[in-house]
C-alpha atoms as a PDB file:
ATOM      1  CA  MET A   1     -22.322 -71.166  34.059  1.00  0.00           C
ATOM      2  CA  THR A   2     -25.734 -71.708  35.607  1.00  0.00           C
ATOM      3  CA  TYR A   3     -26.650 -74.206  32.924  1.00  0.00           C
ATOM      4  CA  LEU A   4     -23.422 -76.127  33.536  1.00  0.00           C
ATOM      5  CA  ASP A   5     -24.116 -76.150  37.260  1.00  0.00           C
ATOM      6  CA  GLU A   6     -27.566 -77.622  36.694  1.00  0.00           C
ATOM      7  CA  VAL A   7     -26.756 -80.376  34.212  1.00  0.00           C
ATOM      8  CA  MET A   8     -23.229 -81.543  35.094  1.00  0.00           C
ATOM      9  CA  THR A   9     -21.992 -83.741  37.892  1.00  0.00           C
ATOM     10  CA  LYS A  10     -19.734 -82.201  40.511  1.00  0.00           C
ATOM     11  CA  LYS A  11     -16.801 -84.187  39.170  1.00  0.00           C
ATOM     12  CA  LYS A  12     -17.131 -82.679  35.666  1.00  0.00           C
ATOM     13  CA  LEU A  13     -18.191 -79.183  36.734  1.00  0.00           C
ATOM     14  CA  GLY A  14     -14.769 -78.019  37.999  1.00  0.00           C
ATOM     15  CA  PRO A  15     -12.831 -78.772  34.804  1.00  0.00           C
ATOM     16  CA  SER A  16     -15.617 -77.268  32.680  1.00  0.00           C
ATOM     17  CA  ILE A  17     -15.515 -73.995  34.607  1.00  0.00           C
ATOM     18  CA  ALA A  18     -11.717 -74.005  34.392  1.00  0.00           C
ATOM     19  CA  VAL A  19     -11.832 -74.413  30.601  1.00  0.00           C
ATOM     20  CA  ALA A  20     -14.360 -71.572  30.311  1.00  0.00           C
ATOM     21  CA  ASN A  21     -12.152 -69.287  32.418  1.00  0.00           C
ATOM     22  CA  VAL A  22      -9.024 -70.131  30.414  1.00  0.00           C
ATOM     23  CA  ILE A  23     -10.879 -69.313  27.190  1.00  0.00           C
ATOM     24  CA  LYS A  24     -11.971 -65.963  28.647  1.00  0.00           C
ATOM     25  CA  LEU A  25      -8.431 -65.280  29.876  1.00  0.00           C
ATOM     26  CA  LEU A  26      -6.834 -65.999  26.487  1.00  0.00           C
ATOM     27  CA  GLY A  27      -9.479 -64.103  24.517  1.00  0.00           C
ATOM     28  CA  PHE A  28      -8.067 -60.623  25.120  1.00  0.00           C
ATOM     29  CA  PRO A  29      -4.455 -61.326  24.130  1.00  0.00           C
ATOM     30  CA  MET A  30      -5.600 -63.307  21.092  1.00  0.00           C
ATOM     31  CA  SER A  31      -7.800 -60.421  19.953  1.00  0.00           C
ATOM     32  CA  PHE A  32      -4.913 -57.962  20.219  1.00  0.00           C
ATOM     33  CA  LEU A  33      -2.670 -60.275  18.204  1.00  0.00           C
ATOM     34  CA  PHE A  34      -5.406 -60.787  15.615  1.00  0.00           C
ATOM     35  CA  GLY A  35      -5.919 -57.018  15.336  1.00  0.00           C
ATOM     36  CA  ALA A  36      -2.187 -56.439  14.961  1.00  0.00           C
ATOM     37  CA  TYR A  37      -2.035 -58.993  12.155  1.00  0.00           C
ATOM     38  CA  LEU A  38      -5.014 -57.451  10.362  1.00  0.00           C
ATOM     39  CA  LEU A  39      -3.392 -54.028  10.400  1.00  0.00           C
ATOM     40  CA  THR A  40      -0.457 -55.462   8.440  1.00  0.00           C
ATOM     41  CA  GLN A  41      -2.854 -56.416   5.619  1.00  0.00           C
ATOM     42  CA  TYR A  42      -3.929 -53.710   3.168  1.00  0.00           C
ATOM     43  CA  VAL A  43      -7.528 -52.527   3.505  1.00  0.00           C
ATOM     44  CA  THR A  44      -8.708 -54.077   0.202  1.00  0.00           C
ATOM     45  CA  LEU A  45      -6.925 -57.390   0.913  1.00  0.00           C
ATOM     46  CA  GLY A  46      -5.267 -57.039  -2.464  1.00  0.00           C
ATOM     47  CA  SER A  47      -1.919 -55.564  -3.275  1.00  0.00           C
ATOM     48  CA  PRO A  48      -1.582 -51.937  -2.172  1.00  0.00           C
ATOM     49  CA  PRO A  49      -1.186 -49.140  -4.738  1.00  0.00           C
ATOM     50  CA  ASP A  50       2.281 -48.358  -6.052  1.00  0.00           C
ATOM     51  CA  GLY A  51       4.395 -46.518  -3.522  1.00  0.00           C
ATOM     52  CA  VAL A  52       2.270 -47.476  -0.499  1.00  0.00           C
ATOM     53  CA  THR A  53       4.133 -49.743   1.883  1.00  0.00           C
ATOM     54  CA  LEU A  54       3.495 -50.926   5.422  1.00  0.00           C
ATOM     55  CA  GLY A  55       5.649 -48.122   6.853  1.00  0.00           C
ATOM     56  CA  SER A  56       4.240 -45.264   4.756  1.00  0.00           C
ATOM     57  CA  GLY A  57       1.717 -42.736   6.028  1.00  0.00           C
ATOM     58  CA  HIS A  58      -0.828 -43.754   3.379  1.00  0.00           C
ATOM     59  CA  TRP A  59      -1.099 -47.343   4.616  1.00  0.00           C
ATOM     60  CA  VAL A  60      -4.552 -48.366   5.803  1.00  0.00           C
ATOM     61  CA  GLY A  61      -4.855 -51.740   7.470  1.00  0.00           C
ATOM     62  CA  ALA A  62      -7.781 -54.099   7.092  1.00  0.00           C
ATOM     63  CA  TRP A  63      -9.476 -52.802  10.255  1.00  0.00           C
ATOM     64  CA  TRP A  64     -12.921 -53.932   9.094  1.00  0.00           C
ATOM     65  CA  MET A  65     -11.899 -57.572   9.288  1.00  0.00           C
ATOM     66  CA  GLY A  66     -11.729 -57.124  13.069  1.00  0.00           C
ATOM     67  CA  TYR A  67     -15.529 -56.821  13.021  1.00  0.00           C
ATOM     68  CA  LEU A  68     -16.327 -59.292  10.265  1.00  0.00           C
ATOM     69  CA  ALA A  69     -14.360 -62.325  11.461  1.00  0.00           C
ATOM     70  CA  PRO A  70     -15.534 -62.297  15.113  1.00  0.00           C
ATOM     71  CA  GLY A  71     -19.088 -61.580  13.955  1.00  0.00           C
ATOM     72  CA  ILE A  72     -19.078 -64.681  11.797  1.00  0.00           C
ATOM     73  CA  LEU A  73     -17.591 -66.729  14.644  1.00  0.00           C
ATOM     74  CA  LEU A  74     -20.256 -65.471  17.058  1.00  0.00           C
ATOM     75  CA  VAL A  75     -23.064 -66.387  14.687  1.00  0.00           C
ATOM     76  CA  LEU A  76     -21.604 -69.852  14.127  1.00  0.00           C
ATOM     77  CA  SER A  77     -21.063 -70.447  17.845  1.00  0.00           C
ATOM     78  CA  GLY A  78     -24.613 -69.262  18.558  1.00  0.00           C
ATOM     79  CA  ILE A  79     -26.184 -71.964  16.410  1.00  0.00           C
ATOM     80  CA  PRO A  80     -25.593 -74.757  18.988  1.00  0.00           C
ATOM     81  CA  MET A  81     -27.201 -72.548  21.647  1.00  0.00           C
ATOM     82  CA  LEU A  82     -30.486 -72.952  19.830  1.00  0.00           C
ATOM     83  CA  LEU A  83     -30.426 -76.598  20.911  1.00  0.00           C
ATOM     84  CA  PHE A  84     -30.554 -75.771  24.640  1.00  0.00           C
ATOM     85  CA  PRO A  85     -33.936 -76.148  26.345  1.00  0.00           C
ATOM     86  CA  THR A  86     -35.919 -72.950  26.834  1.00  0.00           C
ATOM     87  CA  GLN A  87     -36.496 -73.756  30.488  1.00  0.00           C
ATOM     88  CA  MET A  88     -34.510 -75.847  32.930  1.00  0.00           C
ATOM     89  CA  PRO A  89     -36.338 -78.980  34.172  1.00  0.00           C
ATOM     90  CA  ALA A  90     -35.777 -77.992  37.813  1.00  0.00           C
ATOM     91  CA  ALA A  91     -37.199 -74.513  37.147  1.00  0.00           C
ATOM     92  CA  LYS A  92     -40.421 -76.017  35.764  1.00  0.00           C
ATOM     93  CA  VAL A  93     -40.899 -78.091  38.921  1.00  0.00           C
ATOM     94  CA  CYS A  94     -40.249 -74.995  41.052  1.00  0.00           C
ATOM     95  CA  ASP A  95     -42.674 -72.868  39.006  1.00  0.00           C
ATOM     96  CA  ASP A  96     -45.378 -75.533  39.260  1.00  0.00           C
ATOM     97  CA  THR A  97     -44.904 -75.737  43.041  1.00  0.00           C
ATOM     98  CA  ILE A  98     -45.144 -71.964  43.460  1.00  0.00           C
ATOM     99  CA  TYR A  99     -48.240 -71.836  41.248  1.00  0.00           C
ATOM    100  CA  PHE A 100     -49.846 -74.671  43.236  1.00  0.00           C
ATOM    101  CA  ASN A 101     -49.085 -73.019  46.607  1.00  0.00           C
ATOM    102  CA  LEU A 102     -50.379 -69.630  45.483  1.00  0.00           C
ATOM    103  CA  ASN A 103     -53.682 -71.074  44.277  1.00  0.00           C
ATOM    104  CA  GLN A 104     -54.317 -72.984  47.525  1.00  0.00           C
ATOM    105  CA  GLY A 105     -54.331 -69.992  49.823  1.00  0.00           C
END
């Protein structure tokens, strides 16, 4: 949010923060629905053994996909973050001013 506040105009900042909050708000229900769907798939993602059905006590859902799929999405969404600058332009000016003032007195 700090980066958005620094680089966006006031007119565009409000809708951007709203979109970010809606994404955060919908994330939890979507993850529960995704987890519920994955538990209906058999653990090996193939056909289950004979006699094992979704309602039987021997059913094991594909719980591990709940870690794999979001992990892949996080890595892919992290790639664009590498393009952000390492330091904000305004922070560099502020750091230079502080350094200059400290060395004068």
